[in-house]
């Protein structure tokens, strides 16, 4: 019997980060903090060595996860700053371009969904590299297949898409809809994602619709 389960590929998370960078680049200048090139460069450069190996494994060096968490944190902060700037311009400027506002809100919301999908993927049971090991780890997020094994194939375990869908469900319903957070850090992430989504959808998008009338 193998001492590890099948390791998780890196490319879905790397692709997700690159999509976040692309969405950030597409934002108008008034929603970008600092030079437009700064965040894309800071995210893209470390992705080169991180993508050198195809899979996340239990023997990955500690710095790999630290850098990965740092990149996710950087994109999260940049996106939250964009939300704050979006709300600031909405409240303090004469906003007449409703369509541009909607496009910006959609971009910010999509980034929010993707980046929190990455957070869930990285924090659940210590991250994908530890989930590929033999140690028994308590879950931070409970999926339906874990509660009802008969609904899933044998030896099923969540992959990146499962965490991304969980983020999508939480970002649209403002509450856990697919999987349940079990630990304090998971609940904190679920709550902060809901807050950003609520501000983006309920405040910004609603205002944009009013402008279009």
N, C-alpha and C. Protein backbone atom coordinates (compact mmCIF):
# COMPACT_ATOMS: atom_id res chain seq x y z
N UNK A 1 0.85 -1.20 0.00
CA UNK A 1 0.00 0.00 0.00
C UNK A 1 0.88 1.24 0.00
N UNK A 2 0.54 2.18 -0.81
CA UNK A 2 1.33 3.41 -0.89
C UNK A 2 1.20 4.21 0.39
N UNK A 3 2.30 4.91 0.77
CA UNK A 3 2.27 5.71 1.99
C UNK A 3 1.70 7.10 1.76
N UNK A 4 1.28 7.37 0.52
CA UNK A 4 0.65 8.66 0.23
C UNK A 4 -0.52 8.43 -0.72
N UNK A 5 -1.42 9.36 -0.74
CA UNK A 5 -2.47 9.34 -1.74
C UNK A 5 -1.99 10.13 -2.94
N UNK A 6 -2.77 10.14 -3.98
CA UNK A 6 -2.35 10.85 -5.19
C UNK A 6 -2.18 12.33 -4.91
N UNK A 7 -0.98 12.90 -5.16
CA UNK A 7 -0.75 14.32 -4.86
C UNK A 7 -1.58 15.22 -5.77
N UNK A 8 -1.87 16.40 -5.28
CA UNK A 8 -2.68 17.35 -6.03
C UNK A 8 -1.82 18.16 -6.99
N UNK A 9 -2.29 18.37 -8.22
CA UNK A 9 -1.53 19.19 -9.17
C UNK A 9 -1.51 20.65 -8.77
N UNK A 10 -0.45 21.35 -9.15
CA UNK A 10 -0.31 22.77 -8.84
C UNK A 10 -1.07 23.66 -9.82
N UNK A 11 -1.24 23.18 -11.06
CA UNK A 11 -1.68 24.09 -12.12
C UNK A 11 -3.04 24.74 -11.87
N UNK A 12 -4.04 24.07 -11.24
CA UNK A 12 -5.31 24.80 -11.04
C UNK A 12 -5.15 26.04 -10.17
N UNK A 13 -4.36 25.94 -9.10
CA UNK A 13 -4.15 27.10 -8.23
C UNK A 13 -3.33 28.17 -8.94
N UNK A 14 -2.32 27.76 -9.69
CA UNK A 14 -1.51 28.73 -10.43
C UNK A 14 -2.35 29.45 -11.47
N UNK A 15 -3.19 28.71 -12.17
CA UNK A 15 -4.07 29.31 -13.17
C UNK A 15 -5.04 30.28 -12.51
N UNK A 16 -5.57 29.89 -11.34
CA UNK A 16 -6.51 30.75 -10.62
C UNK A 16 -5.85 32.07 -10.23
N UNK A 17 -4.60 32.01 -9.76
CA UNK A 17 -3.88 33.24 -9.41
C UNK A 17 -3.67 34.12 -10.63
N UNK A 18 -3.34 33.50 -11.77
CA UNK A 18 -3.14 34.28 -12.99
C UNK A 18 -4.43 34.93 -13.46
N UNK A 19 -5.56 34.24 -13.28
CA UNK A 19 -6.86 34.83 -13.62
C UNK A 19 -7.12 36.04 -12.73
N UNK A 20 -6.78 35.93 -11.44
CA UNK A 20 -6.95 37.07 -10.53
C UNK A 20 -6.10 38.25 -10.98
N UNK A 21 -4.88 37.97 -11.42
CA UNK A 21 -4.00 39.03 -11.92
C UNK A 21 -4.61 39.69 -13.15
N UNK A 22 -5.15 38.87 -14.06
CA UNK A 22 -5.78 39.42 -15.25
C UNK A 22 -6.97 40.30 -14.92
N UNK A 23 -7.78 39.86 -13.97
CA UNK A 23 -8.93 40.67 -13.54
C UNK A 23 -8.48 41.98 -12.90
N UNK A 24 -7.38 41.92 -12.16
CA UNK A 24 -6.85 43.13 -11.52
C UNK A 24 -6.35 44.12 -12.57
N UNK A 25 -5.68 43.60 -13.59
CA UNK A 25 -5.18 44.46 -14.66
C UNK A 25 -6.33 45.13 -15.40
N UNK A 26 -7.46 44.44 -15.50
CA UNK A 26 -8.61 44.97 -16.23
C UNK A 26 -9.35 46.07 -15.48
N UNK A 27 -9.05 46.24 -14.19
CA UNK A 27 -9.74 47.27 -13.41
C UNK A 27 -9.33 48.67 -13.88
N UNK A 28 -10.21 49.64 -13.78
CA UNK A 28 -9.84 51.03 -14.12
C UNK A 28 -8.80 51.56 -13.13
N UNK A 29 -8.06 52.57 -13.55
CA UNK A 29 -6.96 53.11 -12.74
C UNK A 29 -7.42 53.57 -11.36
N UNK A 30 -8.63 54.09 -11.25
CA UNK A 30 -9.07 54.62 -9.96
C UNK A 30 -9.30 53.54 -8.92
N UNK A 31 -9.29 52.27 -9.34
CA UNK A 31 -9.50 51.17 -8.39
C UNK A 31 -8.22 50.38 -8.13
N UNK A 32 -7.10 50.88 -8.60
CA UNK A 32 -5.82 50.20 -8.44
C UNK A 32 -4.96 50.97 -7.45
N UNK A 33 -4.36 50.24 -6.50
CA UNK A 33 -3.49 50.85 -5.50
C UNK A 33 -2.05 50.81 -5.99
N UNK A 34 -1.40 51.97 -6.07
CA UNK A 34 -0.01 52.01 -6.51
C UNK A 34 0.12 51.79 -8.00
N UNK A 35 1.35 51.53 -8.46
CA UNK A 35 1.56 51.27 -9.89
C UNK A 35 0.79 50.04 -10.35
N UNK A 36 0.19 50.13 -11.53
CA UNK A 36 -0.64 49.02 -12.02
C UNK A 36 0.16 47.73 -12.16
N UNK A 37 1.45 47.82 -12.44
CA UNK A 37 2.26 46.63 -12.68
C UNK A 37 2.71 45.94 -11.39
N UNK A 38 2.58 46.61 -10.23
CA UNK A 38 3.19 46.11 -9.00
C UNK A 38 2.61 44.77 -8.57
N UNK A 39 1.30 44.69 -8.39
CA UNK A 39 0.69 43.44 -7.93
C UNK A 39 0.89 42.31 -8.94
N UNK A 40 0.66 42.52 -10.25
CA UNK A 40 0.91 41.43 -11.20
C UNK A 40 2.34 40.90 -11.16
N UNK A 41 3.32 41.80 -11.05
CA UNK A 41 4.71 41.36 -11.01
C UNK A 41 5.00 40.58 -9.73
N UNK A 42 4.52 41.08 -8.59
CA UNK A 42 4.77 40.41 -7.32
C UNK A 42 4.13 39.03 -7.26
N UNK A 43 3.02 38.85 -7.99
CA UNK A 43 2.35 37.55 -8.02
C UNK A 43 2.98 36.63 -9.06
N UNK A 44 3.26 37.18 -10.25
CA UNK A 44 3.71 36.35 -11.36
C UNK A 44 5.14 35.81 -11.16
N UNK A 45 6.04 36.61 -10.62
CA UNK A 45 7.43 36.17 -10.49
C UNK A 45 7.58 34.91 -9.62
N UNK A 46 7.00 34.86 -8.42
CA UNK A 46 7.14 33.64 -7.62
C UNK A 46 6.43 32.43 -8.20
N UNK A 47 5.47 32.65 -9.11
CA UNK A 47 4.77 31.51 -9.69
C UNK A 47 5.69 30.66 -10.56
N UNK A 48 6.76 31.24 -11.07
CA UNK A 48 7.69 30.49 -11.93
C UNK A 48 8.35 29.35 -11.15
N UNK A 49 9.04 29.64 -10.03
CA UNK A 49 9.60 28.51 -9.27
C UNK A 49 8.55 27.62 -8.63
N UNK A 50 7.41 28.20 -8.23
CA UNK A 50 6.37 27.39 -7.61
C UNK A 50 5.77 26.38 -8.58
N UNK A 51 5.77 26.74 -9.86
CA UNK A 51 5.18 25.86 -10.88
C UNK A 51 6.18 24.89 -11.47
N UNK A 52 7.41 24.90 -10.98
CA UNK A 52 8.44 24.03 -11.53
C UNK A 52 8.10 22.56 -11.30
N UNK A 53 7.50 22.27 -10.14
CA UNK A 53 7.04 20.91 -9.86
C UNK A 53 5.53 20.84 -10.11
N UNK A 54 5.10 19.72 -10.66
CA UNK A 54 3.71 19.62 -11.10
C UNK A 54 2.73 19.40 -9.96
N UNK A 55 3.20 18.84 -8.83
CA UNK A 55 2.28 18.47 -7.77
C UNK A 55 2.71 19.04 -6.43
N UNK A 56 1.73 19.16 -5.54
CA UNK A 56 2.00 19.49 -4.13
C UNK A 56 2.14 18.18 -3.38
N UNK A 57 3.28 18.01 -2.69
CA UNK A 57 3.58 16.76 -2.02
C UNK A 57 3.85 16.99 -0.54
N UNK A 58 3.73 15.92 0.29
CA UNK A 58 3.96 16.07 1.73
C UNK A 58 5.36 16.55 2.08
N UNK A 59 6.35 16.27 1.21
CA UNK A 59 7.73 16.66 1.52
C UNK A 59 8.09 18.03 0.94
N UNK A 60 7.11 18.80 0.52
CA UNK A 60 7.40 20.15 0.03
C UNK A 60 8.06 20.98 1.14
N UNK A 61 8.99 21.82 0.74
CA UNK A 61 9.66 22.70 1.70
C UNK A 61 8.66 23.69 2.29
N UNK A 62 8.94 24.11 3.53
CA UNK A 62 8.03 25.04 4.21
C UNK A 62 7.87 26.34 3.45
N UNK A 63 8.95 26.79 2.78
CA UNK A 63 8.89 28.08 2.10
C UNK A 63 7.88 28.07 0.95
N UNK A 64 7.64 26.89 0.39
CA UNK A 64 6.69 26.80 -0.73
C UNK A 64 5.30 27.23 -0.26
N UNK A 65 4.88 26.70 0.89
CA UNK A 65 3.56 27.07 1.39
C UNK A 65 3.54 28.51 1.87
N UNK A 66 4.63 28.97 2.48
CA UNK A 66 4.68 30.35 2.96
C UNK A 66 4.55 31.34 1.81
N UNK A 67 5.26 31.06 0.72
CA UNK A 67 5.18 31.93 -0.45
C UNK A 67 3.79 31.87 -1.07
N UNK A 68 3.23 30.68 -1.15
CA UNK A 68 1.88 30.53 -1.71
C UNK A 68 0.86 31.31 -0.89
N UNK A 69 0.92 31.18 0.44
CA UNK A 69 0.00 31.93 1.29
C UNK A 69 0.23 33.43 1.16
N UNK A 70 1.50 33.82 1.00
CA UNK A 70 1.81 35.24 0.82
C UNK A 70 1.21 35.79 -0.47
N UNK A 71 1.27 35.01 -1.54
CA UNK A 71 0.69 35.44 -2.82
C UNK A 71 -0.83 35.58 -2.71
N UNK A 72 -1.46 34.59 -2.08
CA UNK A 72 -2.91 34.66 -1.92
C UNK A 72 -3.29 35.86 -1.05
N UNK A 73 -2.51 36.09 0.01
CA UNK A 73 -2.77 37.23 0.87
C UNK A 73 -2.61 38.55 0.14
N UNK A 74 -1.61 38.63 -0.72
CA UNK A 74 -1.37 39.86 -1.49
C UNK A 74 -2.55 40.16 -2.41
N UNK A 75 -3.03 39.14 -3.12
CA UNK A 75 -4.17 39.33 -4.02
C UNK A 75 -5.42 39.69 -3.21
N UNK A 76 -5.58 39.07 -2.04
CA UNK A 76 -6.73 39.38 -1.19
C UNK A 76 -6.72 40.84 -0.76
N UNK A 77 -5.57 41.31 -0.30
CA UNK A 77 -5.46 42.71 0.15
C UNK A 77 -5.70 43.67 -1.01
N UNK A 78 -5.14 43.35 -2.19
CA UNK A 78 -5.34 44.21 -3.36
C UNK A 78 -6.81 44.27 -3.74
N UNK A 79 -7.51 43.14 -3.65
CA UNK A 79 -8.92 43.12 -4.01
C UNK A 79 -9.77 43.87 -2.99
N UNK A 80 -9.46 43.71 -1.71
CA UNK A 80 -10.19 44.45 -0.68
C UNK A 80 -9.98 45.96 -0.85
N UNK A 81 -8.74 46.34 -1.20
CA UNK A 81 -8.47 47.75 -1.46
C UNK A 81 -9.29 48.25 -2.64
N UNK A 82 -9.44 47.42 -3.66
CA UNK A 82 -10.25 47.81 -4.82
C UNK A 82 -11.71 47.99 -4.43
N UNK A 83 -12.21 47.13 -3.55
CA UNK A 83 -13.59 47.27 -3.07
C UNK A 83 -13.74 48.59 -2.32
N UNK A 84 -12.77 48.89 -1.45
CA UNK A 84 -12.83 50.13 -0.68
C UNK A 84 -12.80 51.35 -1.60
N UNK A 85 -11.95 51.32 -2.62
CA UNK A 85 -11.87 52.43 -3.57
C UNK A 85 -13.16 52.54 -4.38
N UNK A 86 -13.73 51.41 -4.71
CA UNK A 86 -14.97 51.40 -5.48
C UNK A 86 -16.09 52.07 -4.67
N UNK A 87 -16.19 51.71 -3.40
CA UNK A 87 -17.21 52.30 -2.55
C UNK A 87 -16.92 53.79 -2.32
N UNK A 88 -15.63 54.14 -2.14
CA UNK A 88 -15.25 55.54 -1.94
C UNK A 88 -15.67 56.41 -3.12
N UNK A 89 -15.36 55.94 -4.33
CA UNK A 89 -15.72 56.72 -5.52
C UNK A 89 -17.24 56.77 -5.69
N UNK A 90 -17.90 55.72 -5.27
CA UNK A 90 -19.35 55.68 -5.40
C UNK A 90 -20.02 56.71 -4.48
N UNK A 91 -19.44 56.88 -3.28
CA UNK A 91 -20.03 57.77 -2.29
C UNK A 91 -19.57 59.21 -2.42
N UNK A 92 -18.39 59.41 -3.00
CA UNK A 92 -17.81 60.75 -2.99
C UNK A 92 -17.62 61.37 -4.37
N UNK A 93 -17.98 60.65 -5.42
CA UNK A 93 -17.81 61.19 -6.77
C UNK A 93 -19.14 61.16 -7.51
N UNK A 94 -19.21 61.95 -8.54
CA UNK A 94 -20.41 61.99 -9.37
C UNK A 94 -20.32 60.87 -10.40
N UNK A 95 -20.78 59.68 -10.01
CA UNK A 95 -20.65 58.50 -10.86
C UNK A 95 -21.79 58.45 -11.86
N UNK A 96 -21.44 58.46 -13.11
CA UNK A 96 -22.46 58.41 -14.17
C UNK A 96 -22.29 57.22 -15.11
N UNK A 97 -21.13 56.58 -15.05
CA UNK A 97 -20.86 55.45 -15.94
C UNK A 97 -21.29 54.15 -15.25
N UNK A 98 -22.59 53.87 -15.32
CA UNK A 98 -23.12 52.70 -14.64
C UNK A 98 -22.56 51.39 -15.15
N UNK A 99 -22.39 51.28 -16.48
CA UNK A 99 -21.87 50.03 -17.04
C UNK A 99 -20.45 49.77 -16.58
N UNK A 100 -19.60 50.78 -16.57
CA UNK A 100 -18.23 50.61 -16.09
C UNK A 100 -18.22 50.16 -14.64
N UNK A 101 -19.14 50.69 -13.86
CA UNK A 101 -19.22 50.33 -12.45
C UNK A 101 -19.63 48.87 -12.29
N UNK A 102 -20.57 48.43 -13.11
CA UNK A 102 -20.99 47.03 -13.07
C UNK A 102 -19.84 46.11 -13.46
N UNK A 103 -19.12 46.44 -14.53
CA UNK A 103 -17.99 45.62 -14.95
C UNK A 103 -16.94 45.53 -13.85
N UNK A 104 -16.68 46.66 -13.19
CA UNK A 104 -15.70 46.67 -12.11
C UNK A 104 -16.17 45.81 -10.93
N UNK A 105 -17.46 45.92 -10.61
CA UNK A 105 -18.01 45.13 -9.51
C UNK A 105 -17.93 43.64 -9.82
N UNK A 106 -18.22 43.25 -11.05
CA UNK A 106 -18.15 41.84 -11.45
C UNK A 106 -16.70 41.34 -11.34
N UNK A 107 -15.75 42.14 -11.80
CA UNK A 107 -14.34 41.77 -11.73
C UNK A 107 -13.89 41.57 -10.29
N UNK A 108 -14.28 42.50 -9.42
CA UNK A 108 -13.92 42.41 -8.01
C UNK A 108 -14.57 41.18 -7.37
N UNK A 109 -15.83 40.93 -7.71
CA UNK A 109 -16.54 39.79 -7.13
C UNK A 109 -15.91 38.47 -7.59
N UNK A 110 -15.60 38.35 -8.87
CA UNK A 110 -14.96 37.14 -9.37
C UNK A 110 -13.61 36.90 -8.71
N UNK A 111 -12.84 37.96 -8.55
CA UNK A 111 -11.55 37.83 -7.87
C UNK A 111 -11.76 37.35 -6.45
N UNK A 112 -12.79 37.87 -5.79
CA UNK A 112 -13.09 37.47 -4.42
C UNK A 112 -13.40 35.98 -4.35
N UNK A 113 -14.20 35.48 -5.27
CA UNK A 113 -14.55 34.06 -5.29
C UNK A 113 -13.32 33.20 -5.51
N UNK A 114 -12.49 33.58 -6.46
CA UNK A 114 -11.31 32.78 -6.78
C UNK A 114 -10.31 32.78 -5.64
N UNK A 115 -10.05 33.96 -5.08
CA UNK A 115 -9.01 34.05 -4.06
C UNK A 115 -9.42 33.31 -2.79
N UNK A 116 -10.71 33.33 -2.46
CA UNK A 116 -11.14 32.58 -1.27
C UNK A 116 -11.21 31.08 -1.54
N UNK A 117 -11.45 30.70 -2.79
CA UNK A 117 -11.30 29.30 -3.14
C UNK A 117 -9.88 28.82 -2.89
N UNK A 118 -8.91 29.69 -3.21
CA UNK A 118 -7.51 29.37 -2.93
C UNK A 118 -7.24 29.28 -1.43
N UNK A 119 -7.82 30.22 -0.67
CA UNK A 119 -7.65 30.16 0.78
C UNK A 119 -8.19 28.85 1.35
N UNK A 120 -9.40 28.46 0.93
CA UNK A 120 -9.99 27.22 1.45
C UNK A 120 -9.11 26.03 1.09
N UNK A 121 -8.61 26.01 -0.13
CA UNK A 121 -7.75 24.93 -0.61
C UNK A 121 -6.47 24.83 0.21
N UNK A 122 -5.95 25.98 0.62
CA UNK A 122 -4.68 26.01 1.34
C UNK A 122 -4.81 25.76 2.83
N UNK A 123 -5.94 26.10 3.43
CA UNK A 123 -6.01 25.97 4.90
C UNK A 123 -6.64 24.65 5.34
N UNK A 124 -7.45 24.03 4.51
CA UNK A 124 -8.13 22.81 4.94
C UNK A 124 -7.13 21.70 5.23
N UNK A 125 -7.11 21.23 6.46
CA UNK A 125 -6.23 20.15 6.91
C UNK A 125 -4.76 20.42 6.59
N UNK A 126 -4.36 21.67 6.72
CA UNK A 126 -2.95 22.00 6.55
C UNK A 126 -2.49 22.22 5.13
N UNK A 127 -3.39 22.15 4.16
CA UNK A 127 -3.02 22.41 2.78
C UNK A 127 -2.94 21.14 1.95
N UNK A 128 -2.87 21.28 0.62
CA UNK A 128 -2.89 20.12 -0.27
C UNK A 128 -1.70 19.18 -0.08
N UNK A 129 -0.55 19.73 0.34
CA UNK A 129 0.62 18.88 0.51
C UNK A 129 0.43 17.93 1.70
N UNK A 130 -0.22 18.40 2.76
CA UNK A 130 -0.45 17.54 3.92
C UNK A 130 -1.62 16.59 3.69
N UNK A 131 -2.59 17.02 2.91
CA UNK A 131 -3.71 16.13 2.59
C UNK A 131 -3.26 14.95 1.74
N UNK A 132 -2.10 15.09 1.08
CA UNK A 132 -1.57 14.01 0.26
C UNK A 132 -0.75 13.02 1.08
N UNK A 133 -0.60 13.26 2.36
CA UNK A 133 0.15 12.36 3.23
C UNK A 133 -0.73 11.33 3.89
N UNK A 134 -0.13 10.54 4.79
CA UNK A 134 -0.85 9.46 5.44
C UNK A 134 -1.39 9.86 6.81
N UNK A 135 -0.95 11.00 7.33
CA UNK A 135 -1.40 11.40 8.66
C UNK A 135 -2.88 11.74 8.64
N UNK A 136 -3.56 11.40 9.73
CA UNK A 136 -4.99 11.69 9.86
C UNK A 136 -5.15 13.10 10.42
N UNK A 137 -5.78 13.96 9.65
CA UNK A 137 -5.93 15.36 10.03
C UNK A 137 -7.41 15.72 10.14
N UNK A 138 -7.75 16.47 11.18
CA UNK A 138 -9.12 16.91 11.33
C UNK A 138 -9.45 17.96 10.28
N UNK A 139 -10.59 17.87 9.63
CA UNK A 139 -10.93 18.82 8.56
C UNK A 139 -11.29 20.19 9.10
N UNK A 140 -10.95 21.22 8.35
CA UNK A 140 -11.41 22.58 8.64
C UNK A 140 -12.73 22.86 7.95
N UNK A 141 -12.99 22.11 6.86
CA UNK A 141 -14.22 22.28 6.08
C UNK A 141 -14.81 20.89 5.85
N UNK A 142 -16.10 20.75 6.13
CA UNK A 142 -16.77 19.46 5.94
C UNK A 142 -17.60 19.49 4.67
N UNK A 143 -17.29 18.58 3.76
CA UNK A 143 -18.04 18.46 2.50
C UNK A 143 -19.12 17.39 2.65
N UNK A 144 -20.18 17.47 1.86
CA UNK A 144 -21.26 16.47 1.95
C UNK A 144 -20.76 15.05 1.77
N UNK A 145 -19.77 14.84 0.90
CA UNK A 145 -19.26 13.49 0.65
C UNK A 145 -18.55 12.91 1.87
N UNK A 146 -18.06 13.79 2.76
CA UNK A 146 -17.39 13.32 3.97
C UNK A 146 -18.42 12.84 5.00
N UNK A 147 -19.57 13.49 5.01
CA UNK A 147 -20.63 13.11 5.94
C UNK A 147 -21.40 11.90 5.44
N UNK A 148 -21.50 11.76 4.11
CA UNK A 148 -22.21 10.63 3.50
C UNK A 148 -21.29 9.98 2.46
N UNK A 149 -20.37 9.12 2.90
CA UNK A 149 -19.41 8.50 1.96
C UNK A 149 -20.07 7.72 0.83
N UNK A 150 -21.30 7.27 1.04
CA UNK A 150 -21.98 6.50 0.00
C UNK A 150 -22.29 7.34 -1.23
N UNK A 151 -22.22 8.68 -1.09
CA UNK A 151 -22.52 9.57 -2.21
C UNK A 151 -21.30 9.85 -3.08
N UNK A 152 -20.15 9.30 -2.69
CA UNK A 152 -18.91 9.62 -3.41
C UNK A 152 -18.14 8.34 -3.71
N UNK A 153 -17.24 8.39 -4.70
CA UNK A 153 -16.39 7.23 -4.96
C UNK A 153 -15.52 6.89 -3.75
N UNK A 154 -15.02 5.70 -3.72
CA UNK A 154 -14.15 5.27 -2.63
C UNK A 154 -12.90 6.14 -2.59
N UNK A 155 -12.48 6.47 -1.38
CA UNK A 155 -11.29 7.31 -1.16
C UNK A 155 -11.43 8.71 -1.74
N UNK A 156 -12.67 9.19 -1.87
CA UNK A 156 -12.87 10.56 -2.37
C UNK A 156 -12.27 11.56 -1.40
N UNK A 157 -11.70 12.63 -1.95
CA UNK A 157 -11.26 13.75 -1.14
C UNK A 157 -11.40 15.02 -1.98
N UNK A 158 -11.61 16.16 -1.33
CA UNK A 158 -11.85 17.40 -2.08
C UNK A 158 -10.63 17.83 -2.88
N UNK A 159 -10.89 18.35 -4.07
CA UNK A 159 -9.86 18.91 -4.93
C UNK A 159 -10.08 20.42 -5.05
N UNK A 160 -9.23 21.07 -5.83
CA UNK A 160 -9.31 22.52 -5.92
C UNK A 160 -10.68 22.99 -6.38
N UNK A 161 -11.27 22.31 -7.36
CA UNK A 161 -12.57 22.74 -7.87
C UNK A 161 -13.64 22.69 -6.78
N UNK A 162 -13.54 21.71 -5.87
CA UNK A 162 -14.51 21.62 -4.78
C UNK A 162 -14.43 22.85 -3.88
N UNK A 163 -13.21 23.29 -3.60
CA UNK A 163 -13.04 24.49 -2.77
C UNK A 163 -13.49 25.75 -3.53
N UNK A 164 -13.25 25.77 -4.84
CA UNK A 164 -13.68 26.91 -5.63
C UNK A 164 -15.20 27.00 -5.67
N UNK A 165 -15.86 25.86 -5.82
CA UNK A 165 -17.32 25.87 -5.82
C UNK A 165 -17.87 26.29 -4.46
N UNK A 166 -17.22 25.84 -3.39
CA UNK A 166 -17.63 26.25 -2.05
C UNK A 166 -17.53 27.76 -1.89
N UNK A 167 -16.45 28.33 -2.43
CA UNK A 167 -16.28 29.78 -2.39
C UNK A 167 -17.37 30.48 -3.20
N UNK A 168 -17.68 29.94 -4.36
CA UNK A 168 -18.74 30.51 -5.20
C UNK A 168 -20.08 30.49 -4.47
N UNK A 169 -20.40 29.34 -3.84
CA UNK A 169 -21.67 29.23 -3.12
C UNK A 169 -21.72 30.20 -1.95
N UNK A 170 -20.62 30.33 -1.22
CA UNK A 170 -20.58 31.23 -0.08
C UNK A 170 -20.64 32.69 -0.54
N UNK A 171 -20.04 32.98 -1.69
CA UNK A 171 -20.01 34.35 -2.20
C UNK A 171 -21.31 34.80 -2.81
N UNK A 172 -22.21 33.87 -3.11
CA UNK A 172 -23.50 34.24 -3.68
C UNK A 172 -24.62 34.19 -2.65
N UNK A 173 -24.50 33.31 -1.67
CA UNK A 173 -25.56 33.18 -0.66
C UNK A 173 -25.23 33.88 0.64
N UNK A 174 -23.96 34.34 0.78
CA UNK A 174 -23.47 34.99 2.00
C UNK A 174 -23.56 34.07 3.21
N UNK A 175 -23.57 32.76 2.97
CA UNK A 175 -23.62 31.76 4.04
C UNK A 175 -23.18 30.42 3.45
N UNK A 176 -22.65 29.52 4.26
CA UNK A 176 -22.26 28.20 3.75
C UNK A 176 -23.44 27.50 3.10
N UNK A 177 -23.27 27.07 1.87
CA UNK A 177 -24.37 26.42 1.17
C UNK A 177 -24.00 24.99 0.75
N UNK A 178 -22.73 24.74 0.54
CA UNK A 178 -22.28 23.43 0.07
C UNK A 178 -21.51 22.72 1.18
N UNK A 179 -20.46 23.34 1.66
CA UNK A 179 -19.63 22.77 2.72
C UNK A 179 -19.70 23.65 3.96
N UNK A 180 -19.42 23.05 5.10
CA UNK A 180 -19.55 23.76 6.37
C UNK A 180 -18.18 24.01 7.00
N UNK A 181 -17.91 25.25 7.43
CA UNK A 181 -16.65 25.53 8.14
C UNK A 181 -16.72 24.97 9.55
N UNK A 182 -15.65 24.32 9.98
CA UNK A 182 -15.64 23.69 11.29
C UNK A 182 -14.73 24.37 12.30
N UNK A 183 -13.68 25.02 11.82
CA UNK A 183 -12.70 25.63 12.72
C UNK A 183 -12.82 27.15 12.67
N UNK A 184 -12.17 27.79 13.63
CA UNK A 184 -12.24 29.25 13.71
C UNK A 184 -11.66 29.91 12.46
N UNK A 185 -10.53 29.39 11.96
CA UNK A 185 -9.93 30.03 10.79
C UNK A 185 -10.80 29.85 9.55
N UNK A 186 -11.45 28.70 9.42
CA UNK A 186 -12.34 28.49 8.29
C UNK A 186 -13.56 29.41 8.39
N UNK A 187 -14.12 29.53 9.59
CA UNK A 187 -15.28 30.41 9.78
C UNK A 187 -14.91 31.87 9.52
N UNK A 188 -13.69 32.26 9.91
CA UNK A 188 -13.25 33.63 9.65
C UNK A 188 -13.16 33.91 8.16
N UNK A 189 -12.61 32.95 7.42
CA UNK A 189 -12.50 33.12 5.97
C UNK A 189 -13.88 33.16 5.31
N UNK A 190 -14.78 32.29 5.74
CA UNK A 190 -16.14 32.30 5.19
C UNK A 190 -16.81 33.65 5.45
N UNK A 191 -16.62 34.16 6.67
CA UNK A 191 -17.26 35.42 7.03
C UNK A 191 -16.70 36.59 6.24
N UNK A 192 -15.38 36.67 6.11
CA UNK A 192 -14.78 37.79 5.38
C UNK A 192 -15.13 37.75 3.91
N UNK A 193 -15.20 36.55 3.32
CA UNK A 193 -15.62 36.48 1.92
C UNK A 193 -17.04 36.99 1.76
N UNK A 194 -17.92 36.61 2.68
CA UNK A 194 -19.32 37.04 2.61
C UNK A 194 -19.43 38.56 2.72
N UNK A 195 -18.60 39.15 3.58
CA UNK A 195 -18.65 40.60 3.76
C UNK A 195 -18.26 41.32 2.47
N UNK A 196 -17.15 40.88 1.85
CA UNK A 196 -16.71 41.50 0.61
C UNK A 196 -17.76 41.32 -0.48
N UNK A 197 -18.33 40.13 -0.58
CA UNK A 197 -19.36 39.89 -1.59
C UNK A 197 -20.60 40.73 -1.34
N UNK A 198 -20.98 40.85 -0.07
CA UNK A 198 -22.16 41.64 0.27
C UNK A 198 -21.97 43.10 -0.12
N UNK A 199 -20.80 43.65 0.19
CA UNK A 199 -20.52 45.05 -0.17
C UNK A 199 -20.54 45.21 -1.69
N UNK A 200 -19.91 44.28 -2.38
CA UNK A 200 -19.80 44.39 -3.84
C UNK A 200 -21.15 44.27 -4.52
N UNK A 201 -21.93 43.28 -4.11
CA UNK A 201 -23.21 43.02 -4.78
C UNK A 201 -24.30 43.97 -4.31
N UNK A 202 -24.48 44.05 -3.00
CA UNK A 202 -25.62 44.78 -2.45
C UNK A 202 -25.46 46.29 -2.53
N UNK A 203 -24.24 46.79 -2.41
CA UNK A 203 -24.01 48.23 -2.40
C UNK A 203 -23.61 48.74 -3.78
N UNK A 204 -22.52 48.22 -4.30
CA UNK A 204 -21.98 48.73 -5.56
C UNK A 204 -22.88 48.39 -6.74
N UNK A 205 -23.22 47.11 -6.88
CA UNK A 205 -24.03 46.71 -8.03
C UNK A 205 -25.41 47.36 -7.98
N UNK A 206 -26.00 47.46 -6.80
CA UNK A 206 -27.32 48.08 -6.68
C UNK A 206 -27.26 49.54 -7.11
N UNK A 207 -26.21 50.24 -6.71
CA UNK A 207 -26.04 51.64 -7.10
C UNK A 207 -25.87 51.76 -8.61
N UNK A 208 -25.13 50.84 -9.21
CA UNK A 208 -24.92 50.86 -10.65
C UNK A 208 -26.23 50.68 -11.40
N UNK A 209 -27.09 49.79 -10.93
CA UNK A 209 -28.39 49.59 -11.56
C UNK A 209 -29.21 50.86 -11.51
N UNK A 210 -29.16 51.57 -10.39
CA UNK A 210 -29.89 52.83 -10.26
C UNK A 210 -29.39 53.88 -11.26
N UNK A 211 -28.06 53.89 -11.48
CA UNK A 211 -27.48 54.83 -12.43
C UNK A 211 -27.97 54.56 -13.84
N UNK A 212 -28.15 53.25 -14.15
CA UNK A 212 -28.55 52.87 -15.50
C UNK A 212 -30.01 53.22 -15.80
N UNK A 213 -30.79 53.49 -14.78
CA UNK A 213 -32.21 53.77 -15.01
C UNK A 213 -32.41 55.14 -15.65
